[in-house]
Amino acid sequence: MTSQGYGYGSSVRIRYKSEEAEKWTELLSENPVITFPSLASGAYKLEIQSMDGEGKWSERILQLDIQVRPYFYKSWWFLLLLLMSVVCLSILFYRYKVRRLRHRQVLLEQLVAQRTHELEVQNHSLEVMAHHVEDMAEEKIRFFTHLTHEFRTPVTLIHGPIQQALALTSDKEVKEQLHIAERNVQDLLSLVNELMDFRKLDTEKVKLNIRPFDLISMIDDLLLPFISFVKHRHITLQACYHLKGLSVNADPTYLHRVLTNLLANAVKFTPDGGHIRLYAARLVDNKGKVQLYLSVSDTGCGIPEKDLPQIFDSFF
């Protein structure tokens, strides 16, 4: 910009202002630089006016169009590039996650297939073992059935001569011993018949034959062979009853077997000259329920405390 007053070049004064400003700002002669700090991007207009040598501001005003470009990170192309980068990274991350999930799924399917195959092999082995066990059990049942059948014949043959001997003898003591032998043969024959039904007992639950019976008579008959057996060992065998007003309903066959086993164990472990006592009593609990109490005690060595948990194990 030049001034028309050539004679006053050193004293020319210049002022400026932006289009939005209301006041003019005079430009210093020693530093004739216009500075707009922190100017936002966009389009601006700058007005410049000079003063002539007569001290008057010129009516002519110079207007400059100024375009301030934004920083690159604020430009539309940078924002678009940034958006595209974010979208691309998102897609890449999504694909990475999908591939990773598919890879894990493949590994999981392989693991499941492997475990399934192992289970199938184990199941097959178990089935083979189960069939083998069933075959062995069936073979054992056939063996015991056949063996029991073989027992039945000699037991039946023993029973016949005993009955004939009872019919021929008149000696009271001999008849008593023969009656004991006859009862034992009948018990043995009853056990043999149960073994003959072993297949049925193996597949069905045992049904108890509950009925009323004379408990005292059963115990007296049960004690007779044991009294004769322990007589030579000088063992005292005694039965005590407190059953007044008690009507017994039970399966006499299985109760007879239980008491027989208890007495047999007592005889086995009682020393010569000892004492065995069978006690039967009527008890009433705190709820008024009547119960039958049976016990067999002896003067033998007893059962060690460490063996008590096993007393109901088979063949203990």
C-alpha atoms as a PDB file:
ATOM      1  CA  MET A   1       0.000   0.000   0.000  1.00  0.00           C
ATOM      2  CA  THR A   2       1.319   3.448  -0.932  1.00  0.00           C
ATOM      3  CA  SER A   3       0.402   6.916   0.157  1.00  0.00           C
ATOM      4  CA  GLN A   4      -0.243   9.847  -2.255  1.00  0.00           C
ATOM      5  CA  GLY A   5       1.669  12.350  -0.107  1.00  0.00           C
ATOM      6  CA  TYR A   6       5.212  11.811  -1.355  1.00  0.00           C
ATOM      7  CA  GLY A   7       6.617  14.567   0.731  1.00  0.00           C
ATOM      8  CA  TYR A   8       5.497  12.978   3.896  1.00  0.00           C
ATOM      9  CA  GLY A   9       6.584   9.344   3.419  1.00  0.00           C
ATOM     10  CA  SER A  10       8.335   9.086   6.753  1.00  0.00           C
ATOM     11  CA  SER A  11       5.326  10.306   8.649  1.00  0.00           C
ATOM     12  CA  VAL A  12       2.696   8.114   7.009  1.00  0.00           C
ATOM     13  CA  ARG A  13       0.461   6.416   9.502  1.00  0.00           C
ATOM     14  CA  ILE A  14      -1.477   3.218   8.829  1.00  0.00           C
ATOM     15  CA  ARG A  15      -4.292   1.624  10.690  1.00  0.00           C
ATOM     16  CA  TYR A  16      -6.227  -1.656  10.196  1.00  0.00           C
ATOM     17  CA  LYS A  17      -9.126  -3.624  11.471  1.00  0.00           C
ATOM     18  CA  SER A  18     -10.918  -6.832  10.622  1.00  0.00           C
ATOM     19  CA  GLU A  19     -14.369  -6.801   9.171  1.00  0.00           C
ATOM     20  CA  GLU A  20     -15.851  -7.973  12.434  1.00  0.00           C
ATOM     21  CA  ALA A  21     -13.973  -5.430  14.586  1.00  0.00           C
ATOM     22  CA  GLU A  22     -15.459  -2.035  15.440  1.00  0.00           C
ATOM     23  CA  LYS A  23     -12.245  -0.158  16.291  1.00  0.00           C
ATOM     24  CA  TRP A  24      -9.190   0.520  14.201  1.00  0.00           C
ATOM     25  CA  THR A  25      -5.734  -0.516  15.325  1.00  0.00           C
ATOM     26  CA  GLU A  26      -2.844   1.727  14.306  1.00  0.00           C
ATOM     27  CA  LEU A  27       0.225  -0.006  12.924  1.00  0.00           C
ATOM     28  CA  LEU A  28       3.499   0.956  14.566  1.00  0.00           C
ATOM     29  CA  SER A  29       6.040   2.404  12.157  1.00  0.00           C
ATOM     30  CA  GLU A  30       9.018   0.659  13.780  1.00  0.00           C
ATOM     31  CA  ASN A  31       7.314  -2.768  13.490  1.00  0.00           C
ATOM     32  CA  PRO A  32       4.943  -2.612  10.523  1.00  0.00           C
ATOM     33  CA  VAL A  33       3.653  -6.195  10.931  1.00  0.00           C
ATOM     34  CA  ILE A  34      -0.011  -7.148  11.403  1.00  0.00           C
ATOM     35  CA  THR A  35      -0.455 -10.177  13.683  1.00  0.00           C
ATOM     36  CA  PHE A  36      -3.636 -12.058  14.581  1.00  0.00           C
ATOM     37  CA  PRO A  37      -2.797 -14.693  17.191  1.00  0.00           C
ATOM     38  CA  SER A  38      -5.059 -17.759  17.713  1.00  0.00           C
ATOM     39  CA  LEU A  39      -7.059 -17.074  14.608  1.00  0.00           C
ATOM     40  CA  ALA A  40      -9.557 -19.792  13.807  1.00  0.00           C
ATOM     41  CA  SER A  41      -9.691 -21.263  10.345  1.00  0.00           C
ATOM     42  CA  GLY A  42     -12.055 -19.673   7.876  1.00  0.00           C
ATOM     43  CA  ALA A  43     -12.462 -16.649   5.543  1.00  0.00           C
ATOM     44  CA  TYR A  44     -11.710 -13.131   6.815  1.00  0.00           C
ATOM     45  CA  LYS A  45     -11.573  -9.587   5.426  1.00  0.00           C
ATOM     46  CA  LEU A  46      -8.889  -7.125   6.508  1.00  0.00           C
ATOM     47  CA  GLU A  47      -9.384  -3.368   6.034  1.00  0.00           C
ATOM     48  CA  ILE A  48      -6.338  -1.057   5.856  1.00  0.00           C
ATOM     49  CA  GLN A  49      -6.403   2.749   5.848  1.00  0.00           C
ATOM     50  CA  SER A  50      -3.584   5.314   5.651  1.00  0.00           C
ATOM     51  CA  MET A  51      -3.154   8.932   6.750  1.00  0.00           C
ATOM     52  CA  ASP A  52      -1.726  11.501   4.384  1.00  0.00           C
ATOM     53  CA  GLY A  53       0.726  14.286   5.175  1.00  0.00           C
ATOM     54  CA  GLU A  54      -2.088  16.660   6.159  1.00  0.00           C
ATOM     55  CA  GLY A  55      -3.103  14.372   9.015  1.00  0.00           C
ATOM     56  CA  LYS A  56      -6.282  13.151   7.395  1.00  0.00           C
ATOM     57  CA  TRP A  57      -7.266   9.483   7.004  1.00  0.00           C
ATOM     58  CA  SER A  58      -7.771   8.560   3.406  1.00  0.00           C
ATOM     59  CA  GLU A  59     -11.231   7.854   2.192  1.00  0.00           C
ATOM     60  CA  ARG A  60      -9.915   4.946   0.212  1.00  0.00           C
ATOM     61  CA  ILE A  61      -9.826   1.743   2.239  1.00  0.00           C
ATOM     62  CA  LEU A  62      -7.945  -1.297   1.063  1.00  0.00           C
ATOM     63  CA  GLN A  63      -9.776  -4.582   1.635  1.00  0.00           C
ATOM     64  CA  LEU A  64      -7.868  -7.871   1.665  1.00  0.00           C
ATOM     65  CA  ASP A  65      -9.531 -11.296   1.547  1.00  0.00           C
ATOM     66  CA  ILE A  66      -7.698 -13.668   3.890  1.00  0.00           C
ATOM     67  CA  GLN A  67      -8.242 -17.443   3.921  1.00  0.00           C
ATOM     68  CA  VAL A  68      -6.981 -19.231   7.044  1.00  0.00           C
ATOM     69  CA  ARG A  69      -6.551 -22.930   6.375  1.00  0.00           C
ATOM     70  CA  PRO A  70      -7.294 -25.361   9.294  1.00  0.00           C
ATOM     71  CA  TYR A  71      -4.643 -27.590  10.859  1.00  0.00           C
ATOM     72  CA  PHE A  72      -4.234 -30.891   9.049  1.00  0.00           C
ATOM     73  CA  TYR A  73      -5.788 -32.848  11.911  1.00  0.00           C
ATOM     74  CA  LYS A  74      -8.887 -30.636  11.641  1.00  0.00           C
ATOM     75  CA  SER A  75      -9.216 -30.920   7.907  1.00  0.00           C
ATOM     76  CA  TRP A  76     -12.062 -32.963   6.394  1.00  0.00           C
ATOM     77  CA  TRP A  77      -9.734 -35.276   4.557  1.00  0.00           C
ATOM     78  CA  PHE A  78      -7.856 -36.094   7.757  1.00  0.00           C
ATOM     79  CA  LEU A  79     -11.096 -36.797   9.628  1.00  0.00           C
ATOM     80  CA  LEU A  80     -12.274 -38.948   6.748  1.00  0.00           C
ATOM     81  CA  LEU A  81      -8.970 -40.832   6.732  1.00  0.00           C
ATOM     82  CA  LEU A  82      -9.202 -41.279  10.500  1.00  0.00           C
ATOM     83  CA  LEU A  83     -12.750 -42.597  10.213  1.00  0.00           C
ATOM     84  CA  MET A  84     -11.718 -45.013   7.485  1.00  0.00           C
ATOM     85  CA  SER A  85      -8.773 -46.177   9.602  1.00  0.00           C
ATOM     86  CA  VAL A  86     -11.061 -46.811  12.574  1.00  0.00           C
ATOM     87  CA  VAL A  87     -13.489 -48.729  10.370  1.00  0.00           C
ATOM     88  CA  CYS A  88     -10.671 -50.793   8.869  1.00  0.00           C
ATOM     89  CA  LEU A  89      -9.167 -51.538  12.274  1.00  0.00           C
ATOM     90  CA  SER A  90     -12.599 -52.523  13.571  1.00  0.00           C
ATOM     91  CA  ILE A  91     -13.096 -54.863  10.645  1.00  0.00           C
ATOM     92  CA  LEU A  92      -9.628 -56.363  11.115  1.00  0.00           C
ATOM     93  CA  PHE A  93     -10.227 -56.814  14.852  1.00  0.00           C
ATOM     94  CA  TYR A  94     -13.624 -58.381  14.171  1.00  0.00           C
ATOM     95  CA  ARG A  95     -12.120 -60.792  11.654  1.00  0.00           C
ATOM     96  CA  TYR A  96      -9.326 -61.614  14.074  1.00  0.00           C
ATOM     97  CA  LYS A  97     -11.850 -62.404  16.815  1.00  0.00           C
ATOM     98  CA  VAL A  98     -13.943 -64.491  14.415  1.00  0.00           C
ATOM     99  CA  ARG A  99     -10.894 -66.467  13.270  1.00  0.00           C
ATOM    100  CA  ARG A 100      -9.821 -66.979  16.866  1.00  0.00           C
ATOM    101  CA  LEU A 101     -13.296 -68.147  17.877  1.00  0.00           C
ATOM    102  CA  ARG A 102     -13.448 -70.489  14.899  1.00  0.00           C
ATOM    103  CA  HIS A 103     -10.036 -71.856  15.783  1.00  0.00           C
ATOM    104  CA  ARG A 104     -11.115 -72.426  19.376  1.00  0.00           C
ATOM    105  CA  GLN A 105     -14.335 -74.019  18.133  1.00  0.00           C
ATOM    106  CA  VAL A 106     -12.356 -76.387  15.929  1.00  0.00           C
ATOM    107  CA  LEU A 107     -10.083 -77.297  18.851  1.00  0.00           C
ATOM    108  CA  LEU A 108     -13.114 -77.807  21.079  1.00  0.00           C
ATOM    109  CA  GLU A 109     -14.808 -80.008  18.485  1.00  0.00           C
ATOM    110  CA  GLN A 110     -11.632 -82.059  18.159  1.00  0.00           C
ATOM    111  CA  LEU A 111     -11.407 -82.381  21.944  1.00  0.00           C
ATOM    112  CA  VAL A 112     -15.075 -83.378  22.194  1.00  0.00           C
ATOM    113  CA  ALA A 113     -14.616 -85.914  19.396  1.00  0.00           C
ATOM    114  CA  GLN A 114     -11.554 -87.341  21.151  1.00  0.00           C
ATOM    115  CA  ARG A 115     -13.313 -87.567  24.516  1.00  0.00           C
ATOM    116  CA  THR A 116     -16.395 -89.057  22.868  1.00  0.00           C
ATOM    117  CA  HIS A 117     -14.243 -91.694  21.222  1.00  0.00           C
ATOM    118  CA  GLU A 118     -12.560 -92.455  24.557  1.00  0.00           C
ATOM    119  CA  LEU A 119     -15.961 -92.760  26.245  1.00  0.00           C
ATOM    120  CA  GLU A 120     -17.190 -95.047  23.483  1.00  0.00           C
ATOM    121  CA  VAL A 121     -14.118 -97.234  23.947  1.00  0.00           C
ATOM    122  CA  GLN A 122     -14.636 -97.250  27.723  1.00  0.00           C
ATOM    123  CA  ASN A 123     -18.341 -98.011  27.348  1.00  0.00           C
ATOM    124  CA  HIS A 124     -17.538-100.843  24.988  1.00  0.00           C
ATOM    125  CA  SER A 125     -15.006-102.213  27.464  1.00  0.00           C
ATOM    126  CA  LEU A 126     -17.554-101.911  30.281  1.00  0.00           C
ATOM    127  CA  GLU A 127     -20.166-103.668  28.187  1.00  0.00           C
ATOM    128  CA  VAL A 128     -17.741-106.490  27.448  1.00  0.00           C
ATOM    129  CA  MET A 129     -16.869-106.749  31.145  1.00  0.00           C
ATOM    130  CA  ALA A 130     -20.557-106.626  32.113  1.00  0.00           C
ATOM    131  CA  HIS A 131     -21.381-109.438  29.688  1.00  0.00           C
ATOM    132  CA  HIS A 132     -18.423-111.398  31.039  1.00  0.00           C
ATOM    133  CA  VAL A 133     -19.596-110.884  34.633  1.00  0.00           C
ATOM    134  CA  GLU A 134     -23.145-111.884  33.660  1.00  0.00           C
ATOM    135  CA  ASP A 135     -21.855-115.003  31.978  1.00  0.00           C
ATOM    136  CA  MET A 136     -19.779-115.882  35.034  1.00  0.00           C
ATOM    137  CA  ALA A 137     -22.740-115.246  37.338  1.00  0.00           C
ATOM    138  CA  GLU A 138     -24.966-117.399  35.161  1.00  0.00           C
ATOM    139  CA  GLU A 139     -22.343-120.119  35.167  1.00  0.00           C
ATOM    140  CA  LYS A 140     -22.128-119.950  38.973  1.00  0.00           C
ATOM    141  CA  ILE A 141     -25.921-120.164  39.248  1.00  0.00           C
ATOM    142  CA  ARG A 142     -25.961-123.232  37.011  1.00  0.00           C
ATOM    143  CA  PHE A 143     -23.146-124.776  39.072  1.00  0.00           C
ATOM    144  CA  PHE A 144     -24.893-124.180  42.427  1.00  0.00           C
ATOM    145  CA  THR A 145     -28.223-125.385  41.022  1.00  0.00           C
ATOM    146  CA  HIS A 146     -26.657-128.592  39.771  1.00  0.00           C
ATOM    147  CA  LEU A 147     -24.703-129.106  43.004  1.00  0.00           C
ATOM    148  CA  THR A 148     -27.821-128.503  45.105  1.00  0.00           C
ATOM    149  CA  HIS A 149     -29.727-131.029  43.075  1.00  0.00           C
ATOM    150  CA  GLU A 150     -26.970-133.537  43.814  1.00  0.00           C
ATOM    151  CA  PHE A 151     -27.271-132.770  47.555  1.00  0.00           C
ATOM    152  CA  ARG A 152     -31.007-133.333  47.571  1.00  0.00           C
ATOM    153  CA  THR A 153     -30.821-137.016  46.705  1.00  0.00           C
ATOM    154  CA  PRO A 154     -28.573-138.189  49.602  1.00  0.00           C
ATOM    155  CA  VAL A 155     -30.441-135.974  52.090  1.00  0.00           C
ATOM    156  CA  THR A 156     -33.707-137.574  51.037  1.00  0.00           C
ATOM    157  CA  LEU A 157     -32.147-141.022  51.320  1.00  0.00           C
ATOM    158  CA  ILE A 158     -30.960-140.243  54.894  1.00  0.00           C
ATOM    159  CA  HIS A 159     -34.476-139.218  55.924  1.00  0.00           C
ATOM    160  CA  GLY A 160     -35.937-142.616  54.991  1.00  0.00           C
ATOM    161  CA  PRO A 161     -33.720-144.797  57.224  1.00  0.00           C
ATOM    162  CA  ILE A 162     -34.287-142.434  60.184  1.00  0.00           C
ATOM    163  CA  GLN A 163     -38.055-142.886  59.871  1.00  0.00           C
ATOM    164  CA  GLN A 164     -37.634-146.634  59.644  1.00  0.00           C
ATOM    165  CA  ALA A 165     -35.405-146.644  62.737  1.00  0.00           C
ATOM    166  CA  LEU A 166     -38.032-144.610  64.637  1.00  0.00           C
ATOM    167  CA  ALA A 167     -40.655-147.194  63.730  1.00  0.00           C
ATOM    168  CA  LEU A 168     -38.500-150.143  64.809  1.00  0.00           C
ATOM    169  CA  THR A 169     -37.020-148.894  68.126  1.00  0.00           C
ATOM    170  CA  SER A 170     -38.833-148.634  71.438  1.00  0.00           C
ATOM    171  CA  ASP A 171     -35.971-147.099  73.439  1.00  0.00           C
ATOM    172  CA  LYS A 172     -37.021-143.645  74.601  1.00  0.00           C
ATOM    173  CA  GLU A 173     -33.524-142.114  74.534  1.00  0.00           C
ATOM    174  CA  VAL A 174     -32.792-143.547  71.097  1.00  0.00           C
ATOM    175  CA  LYS A 175     -36.116-142.231  69.784  1.00  0.00           C
ATOM    176  CA  GLU A 176     -35.286-138.774  71.185  1.00  0.00           C
ATOM    177  CA  GLN A 177     -31.955-138.750  69.361  1.00  0.00           C
ATOM    178  CA  LEU A 178     -33.602-140.005  66.161  1.00  0.00           C
ATOM    179  CA  HIS A 179     -36.224-137.244  66.384  1.00  0.00           C
ATOM    180  CA  ILE A 180     -33.401-134.708  66.672  1.00  0.00           C
ATOM    181  CA  ALA A 181     -31.695-136.230  63.643  1.00  0.00           C
ATOM    182  CA  GLU A 182     -35.008-136.171  61.727  1.00  0.00           C
ATOM    183  CA  ARG A 183     -35.549-132.471  62.477  1.00  0.00           C
ATOM    184  CA  ASN A 184     -32.003-131.651  61.354  1.00  0.00           C
ATOM    185  CA  VAL A 185     -32.531-133.604  58.136  1.00  0.00           C
ATOM    186  CA  GLN A 186     -35.771-131.692  57.532  1.00  0.00           C
ATOM    187  CA  ASP A 187     -33.961-128.385  58.112  1.00  0.00           C
ATOM    188  CA  LEU A 188     -31.225-129.467  55.728  1.00  0.00           C
ATOM    189  CA  LEU A 189     -33.793-130.522  53.131  1.00  0.00           C
ATOM    190  CA  SER A 190     -35.521-127.143  53.504  1.00  0.00           C
ATOM    191  CA  LEU A 191     -32.214-125.370  52.830  1.00  0.00           C
ATOM    192  CA  VAL A 192     -31.621-127.568  49.797  1.00  0.00           C
ATOM    193  CA  ASN A 193     -35.067-126.703  48.438  1.00  0.00           C
ATOM    194  CA  GLU A 194     -34.303-122.983  48.859  1.00  0.00           C
ATOM    195  CA  LEU A 195     -31.055-123.427  46.974  1.00  0.00           C
ATOM    196  CA  MET A 196     -33.024-125.148  44.206  1.00  0.00           C
ATOM    197  CA  ASP A 197     -34.974-121.881  43.873  1.00  0.00           C
ATOM    198  CA  PHE A 198     -31.742-119.889  43.717  1.00  0.00           C
ATOM    199  CA  ARG A 199     -32.530-118.539  40.235  1.00  0.00           C
ATOM    200  CA  LYS A 200     -35.838-117.184  41.429  1.00  0.00           C
ATOM    201  CA  LEU A 201     -34.293-115.630  44.522  1.00  0.00           C
ATOM    202  CA  ASP A 202     -31.606-114.043  42.323  1.00  0.00           C
ATOM    203  CA  THR A 203     -34.131-112.246  40.113  1.00  0.00           C
ATOM    204  CA  GLU A 204     -36.928-111.540  42.591  1.00  0.00           C
ATOM    205  CA  LYS A 205     -37.094-110.082  46.061  1.00  0.00           C
ATOM    206  CA  VAL A 206     -37.535-112.563  48.890  1.00  0.00           C
ATOM    207  CA  LYS A 207     -41.091-112.405  50.215  1.00  0.00           C
ATOM    208  CA  LEU A 208     -41.522-113.070  53.899  1.00  0.00           C
ATOM    209  CA  ASN A 209     -44.313-115.394  55.003  1.00  0.00           C
ATOM    210  CA  ILE A 210     -45.612-113.387  57.956  1.00  0.00           C
ATOM    211  CA  ARG A 211     -48.002-115.363  60.143  1.00  0.00           C
ATOM    212  CA  PRO A 212     -48.727-115.945  63.837  1.00  0.00           C
ATOM    213  CA  PHE A 213     -46.931-118.875  65.479  1.00  0.00           C
ATOM    214  CA  ASP A 214     -45.909-120.210  68.871  1.00  0.00           C
ATOM    215  CA  LEU A 215     -42.484-118.707  69.508  1.00  0.00           C
ATOM    216  CA  ILE A 216     -41.828-120.690  72.712  1.00  0.00           C
ATOM    217  CA  SER A 217     -42.499-124.026  70.990  1.00  0.00           C
ATOM    218  CA  MET A 218     -40.217-123.047  68.123  1.00  0.00           C
ATOM    219  CA  ILE A 219     -37.389-122.104  70.494  1.00  0.00           C
ATOM    220  CA  ASP A 220     -37.818-125.331  72.516  1.00  0.00           C
ATOM    221  CA  ASP A 221     -37.609-127.417  69.330  1.00  0.00           C
ATOM    222  CA  LEU A 222     -34.632-125.344  68.204  1.00  0.00           C
ATOM    223  CA  LEU A 223     -32.718-125.958  71.444  1.00  0.00           C
ATOM    224  CA  LEU A 224     -33.111-129.756  71.497  1.00  0.00           C
ATOM    225  CA  PRO A 225     -30.332-130.620  68.996  1.00  0.00           C
ATOM    226  CA  PHE A 226     -27.997-128.043  70.532  1.00  0.00           C
ATOM    227  CA  ILE A 227     -28.565-129.428  74.057  1.00  0.00           C
ATOM    228  CA  SER A 228     -27.643-132.886  72.833  1.00  0.00           C
ATOM    229  CA  PHE A 229     -24.623-131.524  70.961  1.00  0.00           C
ATOM    230  CA  VAL A 230     -23.108-129.567  73.909  1.00  0.00           C
ATOM    231  CA  LYS A 231     -23.890-132.165  76.545  1.00  0.00           C
ATOM    232  CA  HIS A 232     -20.505-133.868  76.275  1.00  0.00           C
ATOM    233  CA  ARG A 233     -18.760-130.479  76.590  1.00  0.00           C
ATOM    234  CA  HIS A 234     -20.619-129.702  79.841  1.00  0.00           C
ATOM    235  CA  ILE A 235     -21.986-126.454  78.386  1.00  0.00           C
ATOM    236  CA  THR A 236     -25.198-125.197  80.003  1.00  0.00           C
ATOM    237  CA  LEU A 237     -27.818-124.087  77.447  1.00  0.00           C
ATOM    238  CA  GLN A 238     -30.704-122.124  78.945  1.00  0.00           C
ATOM    239  CA  ALA A 239     -33.761-120.302  77.556  1.00  0.00           C
ATOM    240  CA  CYS A 240     -35.537-117.496  79.428  1.00  0.00           C
ATOM    241  CA  TYR A 241     -38.955-116.141  78.392  1.00  0.00           C
ATOM    242  CA  HIS A 242     -40.824-112.982  79.365  1.00  0.00           C
ATOM    243  CA  LEU A 243     -43.494-113.015  76.675  1.00  0.00           C
ATOM    244  CA  LYS A 244     -46.702-112.566  78.657  1.00  0.00           C
ATOM    245  CA  GLY A 245     -49.483-111.183  76.459  1.00  0.00           C
ATOM    246  CA  LEU A 246     -47.314-111.106  73.302  1.00  0.00           C
ATOM    247  CA  SER A 247     -48.682-112.451  70.026  1.00  0.00           C
ATOM    248  CA  VAL A 248     -45.785-113.055  67.620  1.00  0.00           C
ATOM    249  CA  ASN A 249     -46.320-112.423  63.891  1.00  0.00           C
ATOM    250  CA  ALA A 250     -43.228-113.140  61.811  1.00  0.00           C
ATOM    251  CA  ASP A 251     -41.736-115.537  59.295  1.00  0.00           C
ATOM    252  CA  PRO A 252     -40.864-118.588  61.446  1.00  0.00           C
ATOM    253  CA  THR A 253     -38.530-120.035  58.801  1.00  0.00           C
ATOM    254  CA  TYR A 254     -36.186-117.036  58.679  1.00  0.00           C
ATOM    255  CA  LEU A 255     -36.450-116.386  62.440  1.00  0.00           C
ATOM    256  CA  HIS A 256     -35.541-120.057  63.043  1.00  0.00           C
ATOM    257  CA  ARG A 257     -32.519-119.652  60.751  1.00  0.00           C
ATOM    258  CA  VAL A 258     -31.339-116.480  62.514  1.00  0.00           C
ATOM    259  CA  LEU A 259     -31.540-118.056  65.967  1.00  0.00           C
ATOM    260  CA  THR A 260     -29.867-121.222  64.659  1.00  0.00           C
ATOM    261  CA  ASN A 261     -26.900-119.233  63.345  1.00  0.00           C
ATOM    262  CA  LEU A 262     -26.582-117.275  66.610  1.00  0.00           C
ATOM    263  CA  LEU A 263     -26.666-120.440  68.710  1.00  0.00           C
ATOM    264  CA  ALA A 264     -24.213-122.209  66.375  1.00  0.00           C
ATOM    265  CA  ASN A 265     -21.736-119.327  66.769  1.00  0.00           C
ATOM    266  CA  ALA A 266     -22.242-119.323  70.539  1.00  0.00           C
ATOM    267  CA  VAL A 267     -21.545-123.077  70.733  1.00  0.00           C
ATOM    268  CA  LYS A 268     -18.490-122.683  68.510  1.00  0.00           C
ATOM    269  CA  PHE A 269     -16.821-120.000  70.654  1.00  0.00           C
ATOM    270  CA  THR A 270     -17.957-121.048  74.138  1.00  0.00           C
ATOM    271  CA  PRO A 271     -15.300-123.059  76.031  1.00  0.00           C
ATOM    272  CA  ASP A 272     -16.085-126.370  77.711  1.00  0.00           C
ATOM    273  CA  GLY A 273     -18.028-125.886  80.943  1.00  0.00           C
ATOM    274  CA  GLY A 274     -19.360-122.509  79.744  1.00  0.00           C
ATOM    275  CA  HIS A 275     -22.855-121.095  79.654  1.00  0.00           C
ATOM    276  CA  ILE A 276     -25.166-120.073  76.775  1.00  0.00           C
ATOM    277  CA  ARG A 277     -28.398-118.155  77.348  1.00  0.00           C
ATOM    278  CA  LEU A 278     -31.218-117.408  74.892  1.00  0.00           C
ATOM    279  CA  TYR A 279     -33.455-114.604  76.109  1.00  0.00           C
ATOM    280  CA  ALA A 280     -36.858-113.632  74.636  1.00  0.00           C
ATOM    281  CA  ALA A 281     -38.883-110.771  76.097  1.00  0.00           C
ATOM    282  CA  ARG A 282     -41.794-108.448  75.402  1.00  0.00           C
ATOM    283  CA  LEU A 283     -40.717-104.790  75.435  1.00  0.00           C
ATOM    284  CA  VAL A 284     -42.668-101.556  75.145  1.00  0.00           C
ATOM    285  CA  ASP A 285     -40.871 -98.471  73.809  1.00  0.00           C
ATOM    286  CA  ASN A 286     -41.469 -94.852  74.850  1.00  0.00           C
ATOM    287  CA  LYS A 287     -44.176 -94.547  72.152  1.00  0.00           C
ATOM    288  CA  GLY A 288     -46.151 -97.485  73.549  1.00  0.00           C
ATOM    289  CA  LYS A 289     -45.202 -99.820  70.669  1.00  0.00           C
ATOM    290  CA  VAL A 290     -44.820-103.485  71.673  1.00  0.00           C
ATOM    291  CA  GLN A 291     -41.621-105.134  70.379  1.00  0.00           C
ATOM    292  CA  LEU A 292     -40.022-108.565  70.548  1.00  0.00           C
ATOM    293  CA  TYR A 293     -36.518-108.657  72.021  1.00  0.00           C
ATOM    294  CA  LEU A 294     -34.306-111.675  71.289  1.00  0.00           C
ATOM    295  CA  SER A 295     -30.689-112.142  72.409  1.00  0.00           C
ATOM    296  CA  VAL A 296     -28.118-114.935  72.603  1.00  0.00           C
ATOM    297  CA  SER A 297     -25.302-114.472  75.148  1.00  0.00           C
ATOM    298  CA  ASP A 298     -22.442-116.766  76.067  1.00  0.00           C
ATOM    299  CA  THR A 299     -19.268-116.922  78.140  1.00  0.00           C
ATOM    300  CA  GLY A 300     -17.015-117.175  75.101  1.00  0.00           C
ATOM    301  CA  CYS A 301     -14.281-114.808  73.936  1.00  0.00           C
ATOM    302  CA  GLY A 302     -16.727-112.424  72.262  1.00  0.00           C
ATOM    303  CA  ILE A 303     -16.202-110.374  69.090  1.00  0.00           C
ATOM    304  CA  PRO A 304     -13.243-107.952  69.040  1.00  0.00           C
ATOM    305  CA  GLU A 305     -14.341-104.327  68.892  1.00  0.00           C
ATOM    306  CA  LYS A 306     -12.488-103.769  65.612  1.00  0.00           C
ATOM    307  CA  ASP A 307     -14.586-106.512  63.951  1.00  0.00           C
ATOM    308  CA  LEU A 308     -17.993-105.209  65.081  1.00  0.00           C
ATOM    309  CA  PRO A 309     -18.625-103.148  61.884  1.00  0.00           C
ATOM    310  CA  GLN A 310     -18.268-106.370  59.833  1.00  0.00           C
ATOM    311  CA  ILE A 311     -20.635-108.650  61.754  1.00  0.00           C
ATOM    312  CA  PHE A 312     -23.341-108.314  59.066  1.00  0.00           C
ATOM    313  CA  ASP A 313     -20.965-109.089  56.191  1.00  0.00           C
ATOM    314  CA  SER A 314     -21.560-112.397  54.454  1.00  0.00           C
ATOM    315  CA  PHE A 315     -19.386-115.261  55.722  1.00  0.00           C
ATOM    316  CA  PHE A 316     -17.607-113.037  58.276  1.00  0.00           C
END
